[in-house]
């Protein structure tokens, strides 16, 4: 049964860009900033001092299942 909140297409893209950015994360203030803030609210990303976003372990797991389509 599906019990995770739905991710809009733009937020799935932001999650993937966050993954591609690696440990450095993505800077705040870019066009995907609203999605990164939404991902932070969902626990999939973390805002570091309001200047950069990094991916959480929960975000890593969601990326694996939703973007890469791998089994959990």
C-alpha atoms as a PDB file:
ATOM      1  CA  UNK A   1       0.000   0.000   0.000  1.00  0.00           C
ATOM      2  CA  UNK A   2       1.244   3.473  -0.892  1.00  0.00           C
ATOM      3  CA  UNK A   3       1.618   5.542   2.276  1.00  0.00           C
ATOM      4  CA  UNK A   4       4.146   8.228   1.309  1.00  0.00           C
ATOM      5  CA  UNK A   5       3.100  11.782   0.393  1.00  0.00           C
ATOM      6  CA  UNK A   6       2.874  12.470  -3.326  1.00  0.00           C
ATOM      7  CA  UNK A   7       5.777  14.367  -4.906  1.00  0.00           C
ATOM      8  CA  UNK A   8       4.923  16.735  -7.739  1.00  0.00           C
ATOM      9  CA  UNK A   9       7.036  16.411 -10.879  1.00  0.00           C
ATOM     10  CA  UNK A  10       8.968  19.579 -10.033  1.00  0.00           C
ATOM     11  CA  UNK A  11       9.772  18.257  -6.548  1.00  0.00           C
ATOM     12  CA  UNK A  12      10.913  14.898  -7.914  1.00  0.00           C
ATOM     13  CA  UNK A  13      13.246  16.806 -10.239  1.00  0.00           C
ATOM     14  CA  UNK A  14      14.516  18.911  -7.330  1.00  0.00           C
ATOM     15  CA  UNK A  15      15.133  15.742  -5.312  1.00  0.00           C
ATOM     16  CA  UNK A  16      17.161  14.303  -8.191  1.00  0.00           C
ATOM     17  CA  UNK A  17      19.184  17.523  -8.597  1.00  0.00           C
ATOM     18  CA  UNK A  18      19.823  17.446  -4.857  1.00  0.00           C
ATOM     19  CA  UNK A  19      21.149  13.896  -5.197  1.00  0.00           C
ATOM     20  CA  UNK A  20      23.388  14.922  -8.094  1.00  0.00           C
ATOM     21  CA  UNK A  21      24.836  17.807  -6.068  1.00  0.00           C
ATOM     22  CA  UNK A  22      26.312  15.341  -3.574  1.00  0.00           C
ATOM     23  CA  UNK A  23      27.579  16.368  -0.164  1.00  0.00           C
ATOM     24  CA  UNK A  24      27.883  20.027  -1.130  1.00  0.00           C
ATOM     25  CA  UNK A  25      24.147  20.315  -1.562  1.00  0.00           C
ATOM     26  CA  UNK A  26      22.291  22.974  -3.503  1.00  0.00           C
ATOM     27  CA  UNK A  27      22.393  26.670  -2.708  1.00  0.00           C
ATOM     28  CA  UNK A  28      19.240  28.423  -1.574  1.00  0.00           C
ATOM     29  CA  UNK A  29      17.638  30.986  -3.843  1.00  0.00           C
ATOM     30  CA  UNK A  30      17.609  28.965  -7.053  1.00  0.00           C
ATOM     31  CA  UNK A  31      14.468  28.340  -9.102  1.00  0.00           C
ATOM     32  CA  UNK A  32      13.839  25.052  -7.291  1.00  0.00           C
ATOM     33  CA  UNK A  33      13.984  26.732  -3.860  1.00  0.00           C
ATOM     34  CA  UNK A  34      10.210  26.279  -3.188  1.00  0.00           C
ATOM     35  CA  UNK A  35      10.491  22.552  -3.898  1.00  0.00           C
ATOM     36  CA  UNK A  36      13.610  22.220  -1.763  1.00  0.00           C
ATOM     37  CA  UNK A  37      11.761  23.898   1.100  1.00  0.00           C
ATOM     38  CA  UNK A  38       8.835  21.520   0.568  1.00  0.00           C
ATOM     39  CA  UNK A  39      11.258  18.566   0.609  1.00  0.00           C
ATOM     40  CA  UNK A  40      12.737  19.927   3.839  1.00  0.00           C
ATOM     41  CA  UNK A  41       9.272  20.023   5.377  1.00  0.00           C
ATOM     42  CA  UNK A  42       8.788  16.394   4.369  1.00  0.00           C
ATOM     43  CA  UNK A  43      12.099  15.377   5.957  1.00  0.00           C
ATOM     44  CA  UNK A  44      13.721  14.528   2.608  1.00  0.00           C
ATOM     45  CA  UNK A  45      16.151  17.457   2.682  1.00  0.00           C
ATOM     46  CA  UNK A  46      17.890  19.563   5.309  1.00  0.00           C
ATOM     47  CA  UNK A  47      18.441  23.329   5.162  1.00  0.00           C
ATOM     48  CA  UNK A  48      21.907  24.236   6.446  1.00  0.00           C
ATOM     49  CA  UNK A  49      21.843  27.747   7.922  1.00  0.00           C
ATOM     50  CA  UNK A  50      19.326  28.747   5.252  1.00  0.00           C
ATOM     51  CA  UNK A  51      22.056  28.873   2.603  1.00  0.00           C
ATOM     52  CA  UNK A  52      22.290  25.293   1.294  1.00  0.00           C
ATOM     53  CA  UNK A  53      20.108  22.224   1.084  1.00  0.00           C
ATOM     54  CA  UNK A  54      21.419  18.699   1.544  1.00  0.00           C
ATOM     55  CA  UNK A  55      19.699  15.336   1.274  1.00  0.00           C
ATOM     56  CA  UNK A  56      18.724  13.361   4.370  1.00  0.00           C
ATOM     57  CA  UNK A  57      18.849   9.577   4.667  1.00  0.00           C
ATOM     58  CA  UNK A  58      15.079   9.549   4.216  1.00  0.00           C
ATOM     59  CA  UNK A  59      15.606  11.581   1.026  1.00  0.00           C
ATOM     60  CA  UNK A  60      18.198   9.054  -0.164  1.00  0.00           C
ATOM     61  CA  UNK A  61      15.703   6.235   0.359  1.00  0.00           C
ATOM     62  CA  UNK A  62      12.899   8.117  -1.404  1.00  0.00           C
ATOM     63  CA  UNK A  63      15.222   8.883  -4.343  1.00  0.00           C
ATOM     64  CA  UNK A  64      16.079   5.181  -4.651  1.00  0.00           C
ATOM     65  CA  UNK A  65      12.439   4.086  -4.721  1.00  0.00           C
ATOM     66  CA  UNK A  66      10.804   6.952  -6.628  1.00  0.00           C
ATOM     67  CA  UNK A  67      13.491   8.188  -9.020  1.00  0.00           C
ATOM     68  CA  UNK A  68      15.634   5.107  -9.591  1.00  0.00           C
ATOM     69  CA  UNK A  69      12.655   2.710  -9.174  1.00  0.00           C
ATOM     70  CA  UNK A  70      14.680   0.317  -7.003  1.00  0.00           C
ATOM     71  CA  UNK A  71      13.168  -1.898  -4.326  1.00  0.00           C
ATOM     72  CA  UNK A  72      13.480  -0.486  -0.792  1.00  0.00           C
END
